[in-house]
Amino acid sequence: MNTPQSPEAIALTAELLALEERLLDPAVRAVPGQVRALLAPEFVEFGASGRVFNRDAILAMVAAEPPRVARRARGFKVRLLAPGAALTTWRVLRDDGIETLRSSVWQQQDGRWQMVFHQGTQAARDDEGTS
């Protein structure tokens, strides 16, 4: 049984989905300053490769990316962890056909949301748990 969401929860989900999709947008990724604005200075990512990246490493990676097709999140969910802190979980299909599970922690800093943590993990082929 689904519990109805409050207008605030619906608005937060829409706002964080839009921010996650900005980070997936090739036009945004092509402008390091736009990516930098979305990632907190203390940002850390645990990549699907098993490597750990900080904000500077991510900025260098996206600056070197070849053009690609925009990716879209599906099964997007938000869980408020504390006032001004939220967890997003979702799935995305990569260009190579591999589907990954994604999770991000967002924090409201200076009146705007910034990502402080992200993790991508390859999804099992038969798993639809987050859709």
C-alpha atoms as a PDB file:
ATOM      1  CA  MET A   1       0.000   0.000   0.000  1.00  0.00           C
ATOM      2  CA  ASN A   2       1.412   3.377  -0.997  1.00  0.00           C
ATOM      3  CA  THR A   3       1.213   6.178   1.526  1.00  0.00           C
ATOM      4  CA  PRO A   4       0.265   9.530  -0.008  1.00  0.00           C
ATOM      5  CA  GLN A   5       3.169  11.966  -0.085  1.00  0.00           C
ATOM      6  CA  SER A   6       2.955  15.432   1.355  1.00  0.00           C
ATOM      7  CA  PRO A   7       3.242  18.403  -1.021  1.00  0.00           C
ATOM      8  CA  GLU A   8       6.675  19.086   0.502  1.00  0.00           C
ATOM      9  CA  ALA A   9       7.858  15.525  -0.220  1.00  0.00           C
ATOM     10  CA  ILE A  10       6.562  15.736  -3.788  1.00  0.00           C
ATOM     11  CA  ALA A  11       8.354  19.066  -4.306  1.00  0.00           C
ATOM     12  CA  LEU A  12      11.609  17.729  -2.822  1.00  0.00           C
ATOM     13  CA  THR A  13      11.469  14.639  -5.047  1.00  0.00           C
ATOM     14  CA  ALA A  14      10.948  16.809  -8.134  1.00  0.00           C
ATOM     15  CA  GLU A  15      13.782  19.153  -7.156  1.00  0.00           C
ATOM     16  CA  LEU A  16      16.306  16.385  -6.450  1.00  0.00           C
ATOM     17  CA  LEU A  17      15.316  14.438  -9.570  1.00  0.00           C
ATOM     18  CA  ALA A  18      15.935  17.578 -11.627  1.00  0.00           C
ATOM     19  CA  LEU A  19      19.367  17.996 -10.014  1.00  0.00           C
ATOM     20  CA  GLU A  20      20.309  14.335 -10.592  1.00  0.00           C
ATOM     21  CA  GLU A  21      19.210  14.625 -14.224  1.00  0.00           C
ATOM     22  CA  ARG A  22      21.304  17.789 -14.618  1.00  0.00           C
ATOM     23  CA  LEU A  23      24.331  15.722 -13.619  1.00  0.00           C
ATOM     24  CA  LEU A  24      23.384  13.166 -16.297  1.00  0.00           C
ATOM     25  CA  ASP A  25      22.897  15.839 -18.987  1.00  0.00           C
ATOM     26  CA  PRO A  26      25.815  15.946 -21.456  1.00  0.00           C
ATOM     27  CA  ALA A  27      25.362  19.723 -21.926  1.00  0.00           C
ATOM     28  CA  VAL A  28      25.796  20.277 -18.177  1.00  0.00           C
ATOM     29  CA  ARG A  29      28.680  17.800 -17.947  1.00  0.00           C
ATOM     30  CA  ALA A  30      30.478  19.748 -20.687  1.00  0.00           C
ATOM     31  CA  VAL A  31      30.677  22.809 -18.409  1.00  0.00           C
ATOM     32  CA  PRO A  32      32.843  22.027 -15.348  1.00  0.00           C
ATOM     33  CA  GLY A  33      31.516  25.042 -13.441  1.00  0.00           C
ATOM     34  CA  GLN A  34      27.967  23.694 -13.648  1.00  0.00           C
ATOM     35  CA  VAL A  35      29.052  20.300 -12.323  1.00  0.00           C
ATOM     36  CA  ARG A  36      31.172  21.957  -9.609  1.00  0.00           C
ATOM     37  CA  ALA A  37      28.129  23.928  -8.409  1.00  0.00           C
ATOM     38  CA  LEU A  38      26.161  20.694  -7.908  1.00  0.00           C
ATOM     39  CA  LEU A  39      28.894  18.875  -5.958  1.00  0.00           C
ATOM     40  CA  ALA A  40      29.861  19.877  -2.431  1.00  0.00           C
ATOM     41  CA  PRO A  41      33.563  20.581  -1.828  1.00  0.00           C
ATOM     42  CA  GLU A  42      33.742  17.451   0.362  1.00  0.00           C
ATOM     43  CA  PHE A  43      32.031  15.276  -2.296  1.00  0.00           C
ATOM     44  CA  VAL A  44      33.032  11.583  -2.480  1.00  0.00           C
ATOM     45  CA  GLU A  45      31.945   8.951  -4.991  1.00  0.00           C
ATOM     46  CA  PHE A  46      32.281   5.180  -4.747  1.00  0.00           C
ATOM     47  CA  GLY A  47      32.294   4.249  -8.445  1.00  0.00           C
ATOM     48  CA  ALA A  48      30.931   1.062  -9.978  1.00  0.00           C
ATOM     49  CA  SER A  49      34.586   0.336 -10.816  1.00  0.00           C
ATOM     50  CA  GLY A  50      35.348   0.074  -7.098  1.00  0.00           C
ATOM     51  CA  ARG A  51      37.417   3.262  -7.196  1.00  0.00           C
ATOM     52  CA  VAL A  52      36.869   6.263  -4.926  1.00  0.00           C
ATOM     53  CA  PHE A  53      36.701   9.770  -6.429  1.00  0.00           C
ATOM     54  CA  ASN A  54      36.618  13.262  -4.933  1.00  0.00           C
ATOM     55  CA  ARG A  55      35.084  16.347  -6.557  1.00  0.00           C
ATOM     56  CA  ASP A  56      38.275  17.338  -8.408  1.00  0.00           C
ATOM     57  CA  ALA A  57      38.643  13.828  -9.872  1.00  0.00           C
ATOM     58  CA  ILE A  58      35.025  13.849 -11.066  1.00  0.00           C
ATOM     59  CA  LEU A  59      35.451  17.297 -12.616  1.00  0.00           C
ATOM     60  CA  ALA A  60      38.525  16.066 -14.506  1.00  0.00           C
ATOM     61  CA  MET A  61      36.681  12.939 -15.683  1.00  0.00           C
ATOM     62  CA  VAL A  62      33.620  14.758 -17.003  1.00  0.00           C
ATOM     63  CA  ALA A  63      35.825  17.357 -18.721  1.00  0.00           C
ATOM     64  CA  ALA A  64      37.503  14.513 -20.650  1.00  0.00           C
ATOM     65  CA  GLU A  65      34.286  12.656 -21.576  1.00  0.00           C
ATOM     66  CA  PRO A  66      33.387  12.292 -25.229  1.00  0.00           C
ATOM     67  CA  PRO A  67      29.884  13.455 -26.192  1.00  0.00           C
ATOM     68  CA  ARG A  68      27.206  10.968 -25.198  1.00  0.00           C
ATOM     69  CA  VAL A  69      23.475  10.461 -25.150  1.00  0.00           C
ATOM     70  CA  ALA A  70      21.668  11.838 -22.099  1.00  0.00           C
ATOM     71  CA  ARG A  71      20.801   9.209 -19.522  1.00  0.00           C
ATOM     72  CA  ARG A  72      17.524   9.127 -17.613  1.00  0.00           C
ATOM     73  CA  ALA A  73      16.820   8.060 -14.060  1.00  0.00           C
ATOM     74  CA  ARG A  74      14.051   5.564 -13.395  1.00  0.00           C
ATOM     75  CA  GLY A  75      12.592   4.250 -10.166  1.00  0.00           C
ATOM     76  CA  PHE A  76      13.611   7.510  -8.507  1.00  0.00           C
ATOM     77  CA  LYS A  77      12.959   7.715  -4.762  1.00  0.00           C
ATOM     78  CA  VAL A  78      13.856  10.217  -2.055  1.00  0.00           C
ATOM     79  CA  ARG A  79      14.194   9.614   1.663  1.00  0.00           C
ATOM     80  CA  LEU A  80      14.619  12.601   3.958  1.00  0.00           C
ATOM     81  CA  LEU A  81      17.420  11.719   6.385  1.00  0.00           C
ATOM     82  CA  ALA A  82      17.264  14.899   8.486  1.00  0.00           C
ATOM     83  CA  PRO A  83      16.233  18.492   7.844  1.00  0.00           C
ATOM     84  CA  GLY A  84      18.361  19.557   4.885  1.00  0.00           C
ATOM     85  CA  ALA A  85      19.711  16.051   4.135  1.00  0.00           C
ATOM     86  CA  ALA A  86      18.231  13.512   1.717  1.00  0.00           C
ATOM     87  CA  LEU A  87      19.063  10.156   0.135  1.00  0.00           C
ATOM     88  CA  THR A  88      18.122   9.521  -3.491  1.00  0.00           C
ATOM     89  CA  THR A  89      18.014   6.039  -5.012  1.00  0.00           C
ATOM     90  CA  TRP A  90      17.369   5.203  -8.650  1.00  0.00           C
ATOM     91  CA  ARG A  91      18.512   3.232 -11.685  1.00  0.00           C
ATOM     92  CA  VAL A  92      20.141   4.282 -14.930  1.00  0.00           C
ATOM     93  CA  LEU A  93      20.990   2.455 -18.144  1.00  0.00           C
ATOM     94  CA  ARG A  94      24.562   3.248 -19.212  1.00  0.00           C
ATOM     95  CA  ASP A  95      25.669   3.687 -22.814  1.00  0.00           C
ATOM     96  CA  ASP A  96      27.163   0.179 -22.756  1.00  0.00           C
ATOM     97  CA  GLY A  97      23.768  -1.376 -21.920  1.00  0.00           C
ATOM     98  CA  ILE A  98      24.630  -2.086 -18.286  1.00  0.00           C
ATOM     99  CA  GLU A  99      22.031  -0.969 -15.775  1.00  0.00           C
ATOM    100  CA  THR A 100      23.321   0.497 -12.531  1.00  0.00           C
ATOM    101  CA  LEU A 101      21.790   1.197  -9.155  1.00  0.00           C
ATOM    102  CA  ARG A 102      22.560   4.723  -7.991  1.00  0.00           C
ATOM    103  CA  SER A 103      22.404   6.400  -4.607  1.00  0.00           C
ATOM    104  CA  SER A 104      23.275   9.942  -3.653  1.00  0.00           C
ATOM    105  CA  VAL A 105      23.252  11.944  -0.454  1.00  0.00           C
ATOM    106  CA  TRP A 106      22.253  15.578  -0.896  1.00  0.00           C
ATOM    107  CA  GLN A 107      22.698  18.328   1.664  1.00  0.00           C
ATOM    108  CA  GLN A 108      21.189  21.768   1.671  1.00  0.00           C
ATOM    109  CA  GLN A 109      24.063  24.242   1.947  1.00  0.00           C
ATOM    110  CA  ASP A 110      23.658  28.013   1.689  1.00  0.00           C
ATOM    111  CA  GLY A 111      20.057  27.624   0.533  1.00  0.00           C
ATOM    112  CA  ARG A 112      20.773  25.145  -2.282  1.00  0.00           C
ATOM    113  CA  TRP A 113      21.141  21.404  -2.575  1.00  0.00           C
ATOM    114  CA  GLN A 114      24.587  19.927  -3.212  1.00  0.00           C
ATOM    115  CA  MET A 115      25.576  16.287  -3.579  1.00  0.00           C
ATOM    116  CA  VAL A 116      27.976  15.132  -0.864  1.00  0.00           C
ATOM    117  CA  PHE A 117      28.103  11.404  -1.722  1.00  0.00           C
ATOM    118  CA  HIS A 118      27.301   9.189  -4.690  1.00  0.00           C
ATOM    119  CA  GLN A 119      27.592   5.472  -5.393  1.00  0.00           C
ATOM    120  CA  GLY A 120      26.958   3.467  -8.534  1.00  0.00           C
ATOM    121  CA  THR A 121      26.677  -0.324  -8.472  1.00  0.00           C
ATOM    122  CA  GLN A 122      25.970  -2.698 -11.331  1.00  0.00           C
ATOM    123  CA  ALA A 123      22.428  -4.065 -11.054  1.00  0.00           C
ATOM    124  CA  ALA A 124      21.735  -7.786 -11.205  1.00  0.00           C
ATOM    125  CA  ARG A 125      20.016  -8.674 -14.476  1.00  0.00           C
ATOM    126  CA  ASP A 126      16.955 -10.091 -12.714  1.00  0.00           C
ATOM    127  CA  ASP A 127      16.610  -7.375 -10.062  1.00  0.00           C
ATOM    128  CA  GLU A 128      13.816  -4.845 -10.356  1.00  0.00           C
ATOM    129  CA  GLY A 129      13.780  -3.920  -6.669  1.00  0.00           C
ATOM    130  CA  THR A 130      14.079  -0.163  -7.178  1.00  0.00           C
ATOM    131  CA  SER A 131      11.743   0.286 -10.111  1.00  0.00           C
END
